[in-house]
C-alpha atoms as a PDB file:
ATOM      1  CA  MET A   1      -0.014  -0.134  -0.131  1.00  0.00           C
ATOM      2  CA  ASN A   2       1.017   3.938   0.009  1.00  0.00           C
ATOM      3  CA  ASN A   3       1.396   5.405   2.810  1.00  0.00           C
ATOM      4  CA  PRO A   4       0.150   9.006   3.004  1.00  0.00           C
ATOM      5  CA  LEU A   5       2.868  11.719   2.710  1.00  0.00           C
ATOM      6  CA  ARG A   6       4.683  13.414   5.260  1.00  0.00           C
ATOM      7  CA  TYR A   7       5.300  16.669   7.251  1.00  0.00           C
ATOM      8  CA  GLN A   8       8.753  18.382   7.853  1.00  0.00           C
ATOM      9  CA  MET A   9       9.698  17.584  11.384  1.00  0.00           C
ATOM     10  CA  THR A  10      11.708  20.584  11.543  1.00  0.00           C
ATOM     11  CA  GLU A  11      12.164  24.325   9.599  1.00  0.00           C
ATOM     12  CA  TYR A  12      15.169  22.874   7.780  1.00  0.00           C
ATOM     13  CA  ASP A  13      14.346  18.935   6.592  1.00  0.00           C
ATOM     14  CA  CYS A  14      12.059  20.033   3.671  1.00  0.00           C
ATOM     15  CA  GLY A  15      14.929  18.298   1.181  1.00  0.00           C
ATOM     16  CA  PRO A  16      15.214  14.896   2.510  1.00  0.00           C
ATOM     17  CA  THR A  17      11.344  14.844   3.434  1.00  0.00           C
ATOM     18  CA  SER A  18      10.387  15.821  -0.259  1.00  0.00           C
ATOM     19  CA  MET A  19      12.917  12.609  -1.625  1.00  0.00           C
ATOM     20  CA  LEU A  20      11.252  10.113   1.010  1.00  0.00           C
ATOM     21  CA  ASN A  21       7.394  11.558  -0.443  1.00  0.00           C
ATOM     22  CA  ALA A  22       8.658  11.164  -4.194  1.00  0.00           C
ATOM     23  CA  VAL A  23       9.757   7.351  -2.853  1.00  0.00           C
ATOM     24  CA  SER A  24       6.567   6.733  -1.373  1.00  0.00           C
ATOM     25  CA  TYR A  25       4.983   8.402  -4.187  1.00  0.00           C
ATOM     26  CA  LEU A  26       6.268   5.927  -6.025  1.00  0.00           C
ATOM     27  CA  PHE A  27       6.179   2.787  -4.741  1.00  0.00           C
ATOM     28  CA  GLN A  28       4.577   0.935  -2.234  1.00  0.00           C
ATOM     29  CA  ARG A  29       5.723  -0.295   1.067  1.00  0.00           C
ATOM     30  CA  GLU A  30       6.131  -3.151   0.866  1.00  0.00           C
ATOM     31  CA  GLU A  31       8.577  -2.881  -2.383  1.00  0.00           C
ATOM     32  CA  ILE A  32      10.943  -0.059  -0.610  1.00  0.00           C
ATOM     33  CA  PRO A  33      14.415  -0.826   0.782  1.00  0.00           C
ATOM     34  CA  PRO A  34      15.286   0.472   4.107  1.00  0.00           C
ATOM     35  CA  GLU A  35      19.067   1.604   2.717  1.00  0.00           C
ATOM     36  CA  ILE A  36      17.369   4.317   0.478  1.00  0.00           C
ATOM     37  CA  VAL A  37      15.462   5.589   3.514  1.00  0.00           C
ATOM     38  CA  ARG A  38      19.219   5.401   5.224  1.00  0.00           C
ATOM     39  CA  SER A  39      20.643   7.063   2.036  1.00  0.00           C
ATOM     40  CA  ILE A  40      18.422  10.542   1.587  1.00  0.00           C
ATOM     41  CA  MET A  41      18.756  11.033   5.492  1.00  0.00           C
ATOM     42  CA  LEU A  42      22.807  10.455   5.156  1.00  0.00           C
ATOM     43  CA  TYR A  43      22.987  12.704   1.947  1.00  0.00           C
ATOM     44  CA  CYS A  44      20.774  15.364   3.010  1.00  0.00           C
ATOM     45  CA  LEU A  45      20.778  18.949   5.586  1.00  0.00           C
ATOM     46  CA  ASP A  46      24.377  19.480   4.193  1.00  0.00           C
ATOM     47  CA  CYS A  47      24.349  23.162   5.127  1.00  0.00           C
ATOM     48  CA  PHE A  48      25.354  25.071   8.167  1.00  0.00           C
ATOM     49  CA  GLY A  49      23.646  27.944   9.186  1.00  0.00           C
ATOM     50  CA  ALA A  50      24.663  31.104  10.380  1.00  0.00           C
ATOM     51  CA  ASP A  51      25.506  29.857  13.925  1.00  0.00           C
ATOM     52  CA  GLY A  52      27.457  27.142  12.775  1.00  0.00           C
ATOM     53  CA  ALA A  53      24.851  24.384  12.821  1.00  0.00           C
ATOM     54  CA  CYS A  54      25.141  21.787  11.072  1.00  0.00           C
ATOM     55  CA  GLY A  55      21.544  21.132   9.094  1.00  0.00           C
ATOM     56  CA  LYS A  56      20.095  24.738  10.026  1.00  0.00           C
ATOM     57  CA  CYS A  57      20.631  26.048   6.505  1.00  0.00           C
ATOM     58  CA  GLY A  58      18.676  22.956   4.679  1.00  0.00           C
ATOM     59  CA  THR A  59      19.833  20.959   1.636  1.00  0.00           C
ATOM     60  CA  SER A  60      22.437  21.953  -0.564  1.00  0.00           C
ATOM     61  CA  CYS A  61      21.719  22.306  -4.329  1.00  0.00           C
ATOM     62  CA  THR A  62      25.321  20.032  -4.715  1.00  0.00           C
ATOM     63  CA  ALA A  63      24.151  17.231  -2.281  1.00  0.00           C
ATOM     64  CA  MET A  64      20.495  16.927  -3.869  1.00  0.00           C
ATOM     65  CA  MET A  65      22.190  16.141  -7.304  1.00  0.00           C
ATOM     66  CA  PHE A  66      24.474  13.782  -5.302  1.00  0.00           C
ATOM     67  CA  LEU A  67      21.632  12.328  -3.705  1.00  0.00           C
ATOM     68  CA  SER A  68      19.920  11.629  -7.692  1.00  0.00           C
ATOM     69  CA  ASN A  69      22.996  10.231  -9.037  1.00  0.00           C
ATOM     70  CA  TRP A  70      22.793   8.183  -5.889  1.00  0.00           C
ATOM     71  CA  ILE A  71      19.342   7.004  -6.602  1.00  0.00           C
ATOM     72  CA  ASN A  72      20.042   6.413 -10.070  1.00  0.00           C
ATOM     73  CA  SER A  73      23.163   4.465  -9.500  1.00  0.00           C
ATOM     74  CA  PHE A  74      20.973   2.333  -6.662  1.00  0.00           C
ATOM     75  CA  GLY A  75      18.196   1.722  -9.432  1.00  0.00           C
ATOM     76  CA  GLN A  76      20.622  -0.235 -11.341  1.00  0.00           C
ATOM     77  CA  THR A  77      21.805  -2.754  -8.602  1.00  0.00           C
ATOM     78  CA  GLY A  78      18.626  -4.280  -8.888  1.00  0.00           C
ATOM     79  CA  HIS A  79      17.351  -3.032  -5.310  1.00  0.00           C
ATOM     80  CA  LEU A  80      14.070  -0.633  -6.449  1.00  0.00           C
ATOM     81  CA  PRO A  81      13.499  -0.713  -9.674  1.00  0.00           C
ATOM     82  CA  ILE A  82      14.058   3.858  -9.649  1.00  0.00           C
ATOM     83  CA  SER A  83      15.606   6.055 -11.505  1.00  0.00           C
ATOM     84  CA  SER A  84      16.426   9.819 -11.265  1.00  0.00           C
ATOM     85  CA  GLN A  85      17.742  12.774 -13.195  1.00  0.00           C
ATOM     86  CA  HIS A  86      18.846  16.103 -11.636  1.00  0.00           C
ATOM     87  CA  LEU A  87      18.132  19.156 -14.073  1.00  0.00           C
ATOM     88  CA  SER A  88      19.097  22.723 -13.238  1.00  0.00           C
ATOM     89  CA  GLY A  89      18.888  26.374 -14.716  1.00  0.00           C
ATOM     90  CA  ARG A  90      17.099  26.182 -18.299  1.00  0.00           C
ATOM     91  CA  GLU A  91      16.355  22.809 -18.159  1.00  0.00           C
ATOM     92  CA  VAL A  92      13.731  23.246 -15.097  1.00  0.00           C
ATOM     93  CA  ASN A  93      10.396  24.742 -17.059  1.00  0.00           C
ATOM     94  CA  PHE A  94       6.742  23.431 -17.999  1.00  0.00           C
ATOM     95  CA  SER A  95       7.773  23.540 -21.320  1.00  0.00           C
ATOM     96  CA  GLN A  96       5.261  21.449 -24.202  1.00  0.00           C
ATOM     97  CA  ASN A  97       8.567  19.684 -24.198  1.00  0.00           C
ATOM     98  CA  GLY A  98      10.385  20.145 -21.329  1.00  0.00           C
ATOM     99  CA  GLN A  99      11.863  17.332 -19.315  1.00  0.00           C
ATOM    100  CA  LEU A 100       9.483  18.183 -16.336  1.00  0.00           C
ATOM    101  CA  ARG A 101       6.116  18.465 -17.947  1.00  0.00           C
ATOM    102  CA  ASP A 102       7.220  15.105 -19.820  1.00  0.00           C
ATOM    103  CA  ALA A 103       8.103  13.072 -16.081  1.00  0.00           C
ATOM    104  CA  LEU A 104       4.915  14.294 -14.503  1.00  0.00           C
ATOM    105  CA  ARG A 105       3.046  13.294 -17.555  1.00  0.00           C
ATOM    106  CA  ARG A 106       4.607   9.429 -17.669  1.00  0.00           C
ATOM    107  CA  GLY A 107       3.613   8.760 -14.463  1.00  0.00           C
ATOM    108  CA  GLY A 108       6.864  10.169 -12.617  1.00  0.00           C
ATOM    109  CA  ALA A 109       7.723  12.965  -9.761  1.00  0.00           C
ATOM    110  CA  ALA A 110       9.502  15.918  -9.295  1.00  0.00           C
ATOM    111  CA  VAL A 111      11.548  17.150  -6.194  1.00  0.00           C
ATOM    112  CA  ALA A 112      11.389  21.338  -7.285  1.00  0.00           C
ATOM    113  CA  ARG A 113      13.298  24.024  -5.067  1.00  0.00           C
ATOM    114  CA  VAL A 114      10.747  26.680  -4.964  1.00  0.00           C
ATOM    115  CA  ASP A 115      10.416  30.483  -3.313  1.00  0.00           C
ATOM    116  CA  PHE A 116       8.440  29.994   0.175  1.00  0.00           C
ATOM    117  CA  GLU A 117       9.831  32.734   2.017  1.00  0.00           C
ATOM    118  CA  GLY A 118      13.556  31.075   1.410  1.00  0.00           C
ATOM    119  CA  TRP A 119      14.210  28.480  -0.735  1.00  0.00           C
ATOM    120  CA  HIS A 120      12.568  25.337  -0.174  1.00  0.00           C
ATOM    121  CA  TYR A 121      11.769  21.781  -1.529  1.00  0.00           C
ATOM    122  CA  VAL A 122       8.388  20.423  -3.082  1.00  0.00           C
ATOM    123  CA  LEU A 123       7.017  17.432  -4.668  1.00  0.00           C
ATOM    124  CA  LEU A 124       4.977  17.741  -7.771  1.00  0.00           C
ATOM    125  CA  THR A 125       3.191  14.797  -8.432  1.00  0.00           C
ATOM    126  CA  HIS A 126      -0.033  15.924 -11.328  1.00  0.00           C
ATOM    127  CA  ILE A 127      -0.328  18.097 -14.171  1.00  0.00           C
ATOM    128  CA  GLN A 128      -4.100  19.251 -14.453  1.00  0.00           C
ATOM    129  CA  GLY A 129      -4.454  21.893 -17.379  1.00  0.00           C
ATOM    130  CA  ASP A 130      -2.690  25.025 -16.289  1.00  0.00           C
ATOM    131  CA  LYS A 131      -2.229  23.567 -12.399  1.00  0.00           C
ATOM    132  CA  VAL A 132       0.335  21.417 -11.007  1.00  0.00           C
ATOM    133  CA  CYS A 133      -0.245  19.198  -8.390  1.00  0.00           C
ATOM    134  CA  LEU A 134       2.365  19.060  -5.252  1.00  0.00           C
ATOM    135  CA  PHE A 135       2.652  18.153  -2.020  1.00  0.00           C
ATOM    136  CA  ASP A 136       4.353  20.608   0.348  1.00  0.00           C
ATOM    137  CA  PRO A 137       5.945  19.073   3.526  1.00  0.00           C
ATOM    138  CA  TYR A 138       5.743  22.583   5.218  1.00  0.00           C
ATOM    139  CA  TYR A 139       2.455  21.582   7.180  1.00  0.00           C
ATOM    140  CA  ARG A 140      -0.101  24.929   7.068  1.00  0.00           C
ATOM    141  CA  ALA A 141      -3.768  24.820   8.868  1.00  0.00           C
ATOM    142  CA  GLU A 142      -4.726  28.223   7.367  1.00  0.00           C
ATOM    143  CA  PRO A 143      -5.624  28.840   3.732  1.00  0.00           C
ATOM    144  CA  PHE A 144      -3.695  31.485   1.180  1.00  0.00           C
ATOM    145  CA  SER A 145      -4.871  34.531   1.496  1.00  0.00           C
ATOM    146  CA  ASP A 146      -4.452  34.144  -2.627  1.00  0.00           C
ATOM    147  CA  SER A 147      -7.420  32.154  -4.334  1.00  0.00           C
ATOM    148  CA  ALA A 148      -5.334  30.883  -6.949  1.00  0.00           C
ATOM    149  CA  LEU A 149      -3.407  28.612  -4.531  1.00  0.00           C
ATOM    150  CA  GLN A 150      -5.786  25.553  -3.555  1.00  0.00           C
ATOM    151  CA  MET A 151      -5.461  23.629  -0.256  1.00  0.00           C
ATOM    152  CA  VAL A 152      -6.279  19.993  -0.328  1.00  0.00           C
ATOM    153  CA  ALA A 153      -7.153  17.147   2.038  1.00  0.00           C
ATOM    154  CA  ASP A 154      -8.472  14.382  -0.177  1.00  0.00           C
ATOM    155  CA  HIS A 155      -5.186  13.164  -1.468  1.00  0.00           C
ATOM    156  CA  PRO A 156      -3.064  12.660   1.678  1.00  0.00           C
ATOM    157  CA  ALA A 157      -1.224  10.066  -0.655  1.00  0.00           C
ATOM    158  CA  GLU A 158      -0.775  12.247  -3.862  1.00  0.00           C
ATOM    159  CA  TYR A 159      -0.716  15.955  -3.155  1.00  0.00           C
ATOM    160  CA  ASN A 160      -2.033  19.131  -1.008  1.00  0.00           C
ATOM    161  CA  ARG A 161      -1.552  21.660  -3.421  1.00  0.00           C
ATOM    162  CA  ILE A 162      -2.931  22.657  -6.114  1.00  0.00           C
ATOM    163  CA  VAL A 163      -0.368  25.664  -7.744  1.00  0.00           C
ATOM    164  CA  PRO A 164      -0.931  27.699 -11.275  1.00  0.00           C
ATOM    165  CA  ILE A 165       1.591  26.511 -13.123  1.00  0.00           C
ATOM    166  CA  ARG A 166       2.355  30.233 -14.011  1.00  0.00           C
ATOM    167  CA  TYR A 167       3.333  30.786 -10.829  1.00  0.00           C
ATOM    168  CA  LEU A 168       5.950  28.143 -10.827  1.00  0.00           C
ATOM    169  CA  GLU A 169       7.919  29.770 -14.072  1.00  0.00           C
ATOM    170  CA  LYS A 170       8.019  32.906 -12.478  1.00  0.00           C
ATOM    171  CA  ASP A 171      11.703  33.830 -12.573  1.00  0.00           C
ATOM    172  CA  VAL A 172      11.845  36.093 -10.061  1.00  0.00           C
ATOM    173  CA  ARG A 173      11.485  35.743  -5.801  1.00  0.00           C
ATOM    174  CA  ASN A 174       8.290  35.016  -5.527  1.00  0.00           C
ATOM    175  CA  VAL A 175       5.577  31.887  -3.429  1.00  0.00           C
ATOM    176  CA  TYR A 176       6.315  28.878  -5.154  1.00  0.00           C
ATOM    177  CA  ALA A 177       8.345  30.323  -8.103  1.00  0.00           C
ATOM    178  CA  PHE A 178      11.563  28.410  -9.793  1.00  0.00           C
ATOM    179  CA  GLY A 179      12.821  31.985  -9.182  1.00  0.00           C
ATOM    180  CA  PRO A 180      16.036  33.157 -11.261  1.00  0.00           C
ATOM    181  CA  VAL A 181      16.953  31.083 -13.899  1.00  0.00           C
ATOM    182  CA  GLU A 182      20.681  30.290 -13.364  1.00  0.00           C
ATOM    183  CA  GLY A 183      19.466  29.302  -9.146  1.00  0.00           C
ATOM    184  CA  ARG A 184      16.709  26.669 -10.523  1.00  0.00           C
ATOM    185  CA  GLU A 185      17.015  23.394  -9.993  1.00  0.00           C
ATOM    186  CA  ALA A 186      14.417  20.053  -9.989  1.00  0.00           C
ATOM    187  CA  VAL A 187      15.252  15.905  -9.423  1.00  0.00           C
ATOM    188  CA  LEU A 188      12.966  13.553 -11.864  1.00  0.00           C
ATOM    189  CA  LEU A 189      12.230  10.468 -10.325  1.00  0.00           C
ATOM    190  CA  PHE A 190      10.353   7.208 -11.859  1.00  0.00           C
ATOM    191  CA  ASN A 191       9.282   3.490 -11.044  1.00  0.00           C
ATOM    192  CA  GLU A 192      10.396   2.000 -13.973  1.00  0.00           C
ATOM    193  CA  LYS A 193       8.228  -0.509 -13.944  1.00  0.00           C
ATOM    194  CA  THR A 194       5.002   1.695 -13.949  1.00  0.00           C
ATOM    195  CA  VAL A 195       6.965   4.988 -16.128  1.00  0.00           C
ATOM    196  CA  LEU A 196       4.512   5.434 -19.801  1.00  0.00           C
ATOM    197  CA  THR A 197       6.697   5.197 -22.112  1.00  0.00           C
ATOM    198  CA  ALA A 198       5.566   4.423 -26.524  1.00  0.00           C
ATOM    199  CA  ASP A 199       6.412   1.002 -25.461  1.00  0.00           C
ATOM    200  CA  LYS A 200       3.471   0.824 -22.920  1.00  0.00           C
ATOM    201  CA  THR A 201       0.841   2.462 -24.068  1.00  0.00           C
ATOM    202  CA  VAL A 202      -0.175   4.262 -27.494  1.00  0.00           C
ATOM    203  CA  GLU A 203      -1.890   7.109 -25.362  1.00  0.00           C
ATOM    204  CA  TYR A 204       2.017   8.121 -24.473  1.00  0.00           C
ATOM    205  CA  ILE A 205       2.883   8.494 -28.438  1.00  0.00           C
ATOM    206  CA  ILE A 206      -0.361  10.469 -28.951  1.00  0.00           C
END
């Protein structure tokens, strides 16, 4: 079975929480080996806060790139049919032929770096027309003052927000925006047994 996605425990662990949520979203609980959970926690939270405390500035882009490469290599060992790809800069966009949109259409997931009163990692799971379904691991009880940002409670294993794509595409620091092109980052993840390909479905070709 798929577990409900989780919320971060501290102000800083959105990175590892979103990566763990990606694995939970893509795989049944019984399929997930503990080694991938251990490694996600091991490689994240590498940034030091202003007081020198480890982890108090969250997870760096370098750590996420390294973790993406590790996950891809782990998938090749045969312990879990998972693959991963790290995107940066101009690669992170929702163009019709872009890798990010393609990944979500094919049943993959993406952990993306967005602005939310500071850099923050969230899990993208679906596209619905001109909107994106995502799971924000930062727990929030009050609705947004902006009615375009929808809070969702009835899909706990998939998403808890619906956000217009135009918000993510903004190249300035704003709520849920990818922000300036040079700082953009996303990690694509796939379950190789369920991901849609041209060989598996005619609908994907169309």
